[in-house]
PDB file of N, CA and C in Angstrom:
ATOM      1  N   UNK A   1      13.767  -0.447  -2.144  1.00  0.00           N
ATOM      2  CA  UNK A   1      12.975   0.745  -2.397  1.00  0.00           C
ATOM      3  C   UNK A   1      12.544   0.719  -3.857  1.00  0.00           C
ATOM      4  N   UNK A   2      11.266   0.747  -4.046  1.00  0.00           N
ATOM      5  CA  UNK A   2      10.745   0.736  -5.412  1.00  0.00           C
ATOM      6  C   UNK A   2      10.557   2.167  -5.904  1.00  0.00           C
ATOM      7  N   UNK A   3      10.529   2.356  -7.206  1.00  0.00           N
ATOM      8  CA  UNK A   3      10.270   3.697  -7.741  1.00  0.00           C
ATOM      9  C   UNK A   3       8.927   4.269  -7.267  1.00  0.00           C
ATOM     10  N   UNK A   4       7.928   3.407  -7.108  1.00  0.00           N
ATOM     11  CA  UNK A   4       6.617   3.866  -6.630  1.00  0.00           C
ATOM     12  C   UNK A   4       6.702   4.419  -5.207  1.00  0.00           C
ATOM     13  N   UNK A   5       7.413   3.707  -4.348  1.00  0.00           N
ATOM     14  CA  UNK A   5       7.556   4.163  -2.956  1.00  0.00           C
ATOM     15  C   UNK A   5       8.359   5.462  -2.901  1.00  0.00           C
ATOM     16  N   UNK A   6       9.375   5.554  -3.733  1.00  0.00           N
ATOM     17  CA  UNK A   6      10.170   6.780  -3.775  1.00  0.00           C
ATOM     18  C   UNK A   6       9.309   7.955  -4.243  1.00  0.00           C
ATOM     19  N   UNK A   7       8.461   7.719  -5.227  1.00  0.00           N
ATOM     20  CA  UNK A   7       7.558   8.769  -5.724  1.00  0.00           C
ATOM     21  C   UNK A   7       6.600   9.225  -4.634  1.00  0.00           C
ATOM     22  N   UNK A   8       6.038   8.285  -3.884  1.00  0.00           N
ATOM     23  CA  UNK A   8       5.108   8.641  -2.796  1.00  0.00           C
ATOM     24  C   UNK A   8       5.831   9.462  -1.723  1.00  0.00           C
ATOM     25  N   UNK A   9       7.023   9.017  -1.359  1.00  0.00           N
ATOM     26  CA  UNK A   9       7.813   9.734  -0.355  1.00  0.00           C
ATOM     27  C   UNK A   9       8.143  11.144  -0.845  1.00  0.00           C
ATOM     28  N   UNK A  10       8.607  11.252  -2.078  1.00  0.00           N
ATOM     29  CA  UNK A  10       8.963  12.553  -2.658  1.00  0.00           C
ATOM     30  C   UNK A  10       7.760  13.473  -2.739  1.00  0.00           C
ATOM     31  N   UNK A  11       6.641  12.933  -3.201  1.00  0.00           N
ATOM     32  CA  UNK A  11       5.423  13.736  -3.320  1.00  0.00           C
ATOM     33  C   UNK A  11       4.983  14.249  -1.954  1.00  0.00           C
ATOM     34  N   UNK A  12       5.041  13.391  -0.959  1.00  0.00           N
ATOM     35  CA  UNK A  12       4.650  13.758   0.400  1.00  0.00           C
ATOM     36  C   UNK A  12       5.513  14.914   0.922  1.00  0.00           C
ATOM     37  N   UNK A  13       6.826  14.830   0.704  1.00  0.00           N
ATOM     38  CA  UNK A  13       7.722  15.888   1.169  1.00  0.00           C
ATOM     39  C   UNK A  13       7.536  17.178   0.378  1.00  0.00           C
ATOM     40  N   UNK A  14       7.322  17.076  -0.922  1.00  0.00           N
ATOM     41  CA  UNK A  14       7.107  18.272  -1.733  1.00  0.00           C
ATOM     42  C   UNK A  14       5.825  18.985  -1.324  1.00  0.00           C
ATOM     43  N   UNK A  15       4.783  18.217  -1.039  1.00  0.00           N
ATOM     44  CA  UNK A  15       3.523  18.803  -0.584  1.00  0.00           C
ATOM     45  C   UNK A  15       3.743  19.565   0.715  1.00  0.00           C
ATOM     46  N   UNK A  16       4.473  18.963   1.628  1.00  0.00           N
ATOM     47  CA  UNK A  16       4.783  19.611   2.904  1.00  0.00           C
ATOM     48  C   UNK A  16       5.598  20.883   2.670  1.00  0.00           C
ATOM     49  N   UNK A  17       6.578  20.786   1.814  1.00  0.00           N
ATOM     50  CA  UNK A  17       7.446  21.939   1.550  1.00  0.00           C
ATOM     51  C   UNK A  17       6.643  23.113   0.998  1.00  0.00           C
ATOM     52  N   UNK A  18       5.755  22.834   0.083  1.00  0.00           N
ATOM     53  CA  UNK A  18       4.976  23.917  -0.525  1.00  0.00           C
ATOM     54  C   UNK A  18       3.947  24.495   0.438  1.00  0.00           C
ATOM     55  N   UNK A  19       3.349  23.661   1.267  1.00  0.00           N
ATOM     56  CA  UNK A  19       2.287  24.157   2.138  1.00  0.00           C
ATOM     57  C   UNK A  19       2.789  24.757   3.449  1.00  0.00           C
ATOM     58  N   UNK A  20       3.790  24.150   4.042  1.00  0.00           N
ATOM     59  CA  UNK A  20       4.235  24.579   5.373  1.00  0.00           C
ATOM     60  C   UNK A  20       5.499  25.427   5.324  1.00  0.00           C
ATOM     61  N   UNK A  21       6.506  24.952   4.620  1.00  0.00           N
ATOM     62  CA  UNK A  21       7.792  25.648   4.632  1.00  0.00           C
ATOM     63  C   UNK A  21       7.717  27.022   3.993  1.00  0.00           C
ATOM     64  N   UNK A  22       6.872  27.170   2.997  1.00  0.00           N
ATOM     65  CA  UNK A  22       6.789  28.465   2.319  1.00  0.00           C
ATOM     66  C   UNK A  22       6.204  29.548   3.223  1.00  0.00           C
ATOM     67  N   UNK A  23       5.426  29.149   4.226  1.00  0.00           N
ATOM     68  CA  UNK A  23       4.842  30.135   5.131  1.00  0.00           C
ATOM     69  C   UNK A  23       5.582  30.234   6.467  1.00  0.00           C
ATOM     70  N   UNK A  24       6.628  29.461   6.624  1.00  0.00           N
ATOM     71  CA  UNK A  24       7.386  29.452   7.873  1.00  0.00           C
ATOM     72  C   UNK A  24       8.204  30.741   7.994  1.00  0.00           C
ATOM     73  N   UNK A  25       8.090  31.375   9.138  1.00  0.00           N
ATOM     74  CA  UNK A  25       8.830  32.610   9.394  1.00  0.00           C
ATOM     75  C   UNK A  25       9.822  32.345  10.527  1.00  0.00           C
ATOM     76  N   UNK A  26      11.074  32.630  10.262  1.00  0.00           N
ATOM     77  CA  UNK A  26      12.123  32.390  11.246  1.00  0.00           C
ATOM     78  C   UNK A  26      12.707  33.735  11.652  1.00  0.00           C
ATOM     79  N   UNK A  27      12.548  34.060  12.937  1.00  0.00           N
ATOM     80  CA  UNK A  27      12.989  35.357  13.461  1.00  0.00           C
ATOM     81  C   UNK A  27      14.341  35.301  14.162  1.00  0.00           C
ATOM     82  N   UNK A  28      14.586  34.171  14.808  1.00  0.00           N
ATOM     83  CA  UNK A  28      15.796  34.068  15.626  1.00  0.00           C
ATOM     84  C   UNK A  28      16.207  32.598  15.758  1.00  0.00           C
ATOM     85  N   UNK A  29      17.202  32.369  16.560  1.00  0.00           N
ATOM     86  CA  UNK A  29      17.735  31.017  16.732  1.00  0.00           C
ATOM     87  C   UNK A  29      16.684  30.069  17.309  1.00  0.00           C
ATOM     88  N   UNK A  30      15.872  30.569  18.211  1.00  0.00           N
ATOM     89  CA  UNK A  30      14.851  29.734  18.831  1.00  0.00           C
ATOM     90  C   UNK A  30      13.820  29.253  17.803  1.00  0.00           C
ATOM     91  N   UNK A  31      13.337  30.154  16.965  1.00  0.00           N
ATOM     92  CA  UNK A  31      12.361  29.740  15.950  1.00  0.00           C
ATOM     93  C   UNK A  31      13.015  28.874  14.877  1.00  0.00           C
ATOM     94  N   UNK A  32      14.295  29.108  14.612  1.00  0.00           N
ATOM     95  CA  UNK A  32      15.018  28.253  13.680  1.00  0.00           C
ATOM     96  C   UNK A  32      15.117  26.828  14.231  1.00  0.00           C
ATOM     97  N   UNK A  33      15.472  26.703  15.504  1.00  0.00           N
ATOM     98  CA  UNK A  33      15.559  25.387  16.129  1.00  0.00           C
ATOM     99  C   UNK A  33      14.208  24.685  16.131  1.00  0.00           C
ATOM    100  N   UNK A  34      13.172  25.420  16.430  1.00  0.00           N
ATOM    101  CA  UNK A  34      11.827  24.856  16.432  1.00  0.00           C
ATOM    102  C   UNK A  34      11.421  24.397  15.029  1.00  0.00           C
ATOM    103  N   UNK A  35      11.712  25.223  14.033  1.00  0.00           N
ATOM    104  CA  UNK A  35      11.387  24.873  12.649  1.00  0.00           C
ATOM    105  C   UNK A  35      12.163  23.629  12.229  1.00  0.00           C
ATOM    106  N   UNK A  36      13.441  23.584  12.556  1.00  0.00           N
ATOM    107  CA  UNK A  36      14.247  22.431  12.170  1.00  0.00           C
ATOM    108  C   UNK A  36      13.737  21.154  12.833  1.00  0.00           C
ATOM    109  N   UNK A  37      13.316  21.245  14.091  1.00  0.00           N
ATOM    110  CA  UNK A  37      12.757  20.085  14.788  1.00  0.00           C
ATOM    111  C   UNK A  37      11.510  19.586  14.072  1.00  0.00           C
ATOM    112  N   UNK A  38      10.641  20.501  13.666  1.00  0.00           N
ATOM    113  CA  UNK A  38       9.423  20.133  12.940  1.00  0.00           C
ATOM    114  C   UNK A  38       9.745  19.506  11.588  1.00  0.00           C
ATOM    115  N   UNK A  39      10.689  20.097  10.865  1.00  0.00           N
ATOM    116  CA  UNK A  39      11.074  19.578   9.553  1.00  0.00           C
ATOM    117  C   UNK A  39      11.664  18.178   9.696  1.00  0.00           C
ATOM    118  N   UNK A  40      12.560  18.013  10.649  1.00  0.00           N
ATOM    119  CA  UNK A  40      13.186  16.711  10.883  1.00  0.00           C
ATOM    120  C   UNK A  40      12.144  15.652  11.212  1.00  0.00           C
ATOM    121  N   UNK A  41      11.207  15.987  12.099  1.00  0.00           N
ATOM    122  CA  UNK A  41      10.154  15.045  12.476  1.00  0.00           C
ATOM    123  C   UNK A  41       9.316  14.654  11.262  1.00  0.00           C
ATOM    124  N   UNK A  42       8.973  15.606  10.438  1.00  0.00           N
ATOM    125  CA  UNK A  42       8.166  15.320   9.265  1.00  0.00           C
ATOM    126  C   UNK A  42       8.912  14.416   8.286  1.00  0.00           C
ATOM    127  N   UNK A  43      10.187  14.677   8.081  1.00  0.00           N
ATOM    128  CA  UNK A  43      10.986  13.829   7.188  1.00  0.00           C
ATOM    129  C   UNK A  43      11.075  12.408   7.743  1.00  0.00           C
ATOM    130  N   UNK A  44      11.341  12.276   9.024  1.00  0.00           N
ATOM    131  CA  UNK A  44      11.461  10.954   9.636  1.00  0.00           C
ATOM    132  C   UNK A  44      10.133  10.198   9.602  1.00  0.00           C
ATOM    133  N   UNK A  45       9.041  10.877   9.919  1.00  0.00           N
ATOM    134  CA  UNK A  45       7.723  10.241   9.871  1.00  0.00           C
ATOM    135  C   UNK A  45       7.390   9.790   8.457  1.00  0.00           C
ATOM    136  N   UNK A  46       7.698  10.627   7.487  1.00  0.00           N
ATOM    137  CA  UNK A  46       7.440  10.277   6.085  1.00  0.00           C
ATOM    138  C   UNK A  46       8.299   9.091   5.654  1.00  0.00           C
ATOM    139  N   UNK A  47       9.550   9.102   6.048  1.00  0.00           N
ATOM    140  CA  UNK A  47      10.447   7.999   5.703  1.00  0.00           C
ATOM    141  C   UNK A  47       9.941   6.692   6.311  1.00  0.00           C
ATOM    142  N   UNK A  48       9.521   6.740   7.561  1.00  0.00           N
ATOM    143  CA  UNK A  48       9.007   5.536   8.216  1.00  0.00           C
ATOM    144  C   UNK A  48       7.743   5.032   7.534  1.00  0.00           C
ATOM    145  N   UNK A  49       6.955   5.941   7.013  1.00  0.00           N
ATOM    146  CA  UNK A  49       5.698   5.562   6.373  1.00  0.00           C
ATOM    147  C   UNK A  49       5.906   5.032   4.955  1.00  0.00           C
ATOM    148  N   UNK A  50       6.804   5.638   4.190  1.00  0.00           N
ATOM    149  CA  UNK A  50       6.913   5.334   2.768  1.00  0.00           C
ATOM    150  C   UNK A  50       8.149   4.523   2.359  1.00  0.00           C
ATOM    151  N   UNK A  51       9.134   4.431   3.225  1.00  0.00           N
ATOM    152  CA  UNK A  51      10.367   3.710   2.884  1.00  0.00           C
ATOM    153  C   UNK A  51      10.450   2.459   3.750  1.00  0.00           C
ATOM    154  N   UNK A  52      10.736   1.337   3.120  1.00  0.00           N
ATOM    155  CA  UNK A  52      10.875   0.092   3.883  1.00  0.00           C
ATOM    156  C   UNK A  52      11.947   0.255   4.939  1.00  0.00           C
ATOM    157  N   UNK A  53      11.649  -0.230   6.132  1.00  0.00           N
ATOM    158  CA  UNK A  53      12.631  -0.179   7.209  1.00  0.00           C
ATOM    159  C   UNK A  53      12.373  -1.348   8.141  1.00  0.00           C
ATOM    160  N   UNK A  54      13.366  -1.683   8.910  1.00  0.00           N
ATOM    161  CA  UNK A  54      13.229  -2.747   9.892  1.00  0.00           C
ATOM    162  C   UNK A  54      14.156  -2.460  11.062  1.00  0.00           C
ATOM    163  N   UNK A  55      13.819  -3.050  12.173  1.00  0.00           N
ATOM    164  CA  UNK A  55      14.638  -2.896  13.368  1.00  0.00           C
ATOM    165  C   UNK A  55      15.514  -4.132  13.510  1.00  0.00           C
ATOM    166  N   UNK A  56      16.692  -3.925  13.991  1.00  0.00           N
ATOM    167  CA  UNK A  56      17.566  -5.059  14.279  1.00  0.00           C
ATOM    168  C   UNK A  56      18.053  -4.935  15.715  1.00  0.00           C
ATOM    169  N   UNK A  57      18.209  -6.051  16.335  1.00  0.00           N
ATOM    170  CA  UNK A  57      18.630  -6.009  17.734  1.00  0.00           C
ATOM    171  C   UNK A  57      20.145  -5.950  17.834  1.00  0.00           C
ATOM    172  N   UNK A  58      20.617  -5.344  18.870  1.00  0.00           N
ATOM    173  CA  UNK A  58      22.049  -5.271  19.124  1.00  0.00           C
ATOM    174  C   UNK A  58      22.592  -6.662  19.438  1.00  0.00           C
ATOM    175  N   UNK A  59      21.801  -7.476  20.139  1.00  0.00           N
ATOM    176  CA  UNK A  59      22.245  -8.813  20.503  1.00  0.00           C
ATOM    177  C   UNK A  59      22.559  -9.625  19.250  1.00  0.00           C
ATOM    178  N   UNK A  60      21.698  -9.565  18.245  1.00  0.00           N
ATOM    179  CA  UNK A  60      21.934 -10.310  17.007  1.00  0.00           C
ATOM    180  C   UNK A  60      23.245  -9.850  16.362  1.00  0.00           C
ATOM    181  N   UNK A  61      23.491  -8.573  16.345  1.00  0.00           N
ATOM    182  CA  UNK A  61      24.720  -8.044  15.760  1.00  0.00           C
ATOM    183  C   UNK A  61      25.939  -8.549  16.531  1.00  0.00           C
ATOM    184  N   UNK A  62      25.830  -8.593  17.850  1.00  0.00           N
ATOM    185  CA  UNK A  62      26.944  -9.051  18.672  1.00  0.00           C
ATOM    186  C   UNK A  62      27.200 -10.542  18.466  1.00  0.00           C
ATOM    187  N   UNK A  63      26.133 -11.330  18.294  1.00  0.00           N
ATOM    188  CA  UNK A  63      26.281 -12.769  18.071  1.00  0.00           C
ATOM    189  C   UNK A  63      26.966 -13.068  16.755  1.00  0.00           C
ATOM    190  N   UNK A  64      26.806 -12.197  15.773  1.00  0.00           N
ATOM    191  CA  UNK A  64      27.379 -12.427  14.448  1.00  0.00           C
ATOM    192  C   UNK A  64      28.869 -12.093  14.390  1.00  0.00           C
ATOM    193  N   UNK A  65      29.379 -11.405  15.375  1.00  0.00           N
ATOM    194  CA  UNK A  65      30.797 -10.995  15.330  1.00  0.00           C
ATOM    195  C   UNK A  65      31.715 -12.074  15.793  1.00  0.00           C
TER     196      UNK A  65
END
């Protein structure tokens, strides 16, 4: 993870926080769950976009043991 990628990821999340989270209204458990699902999805999508990641297969892990 480079400082540049971290800055892009951070900026993306801060922009979201200021634009969406500040206007989010939570009335009950249902809206809280819905809000949390949206927040989680946004964080995961941003991480996938801005942070290096790779998939590894379970078979490879099992072969190494």
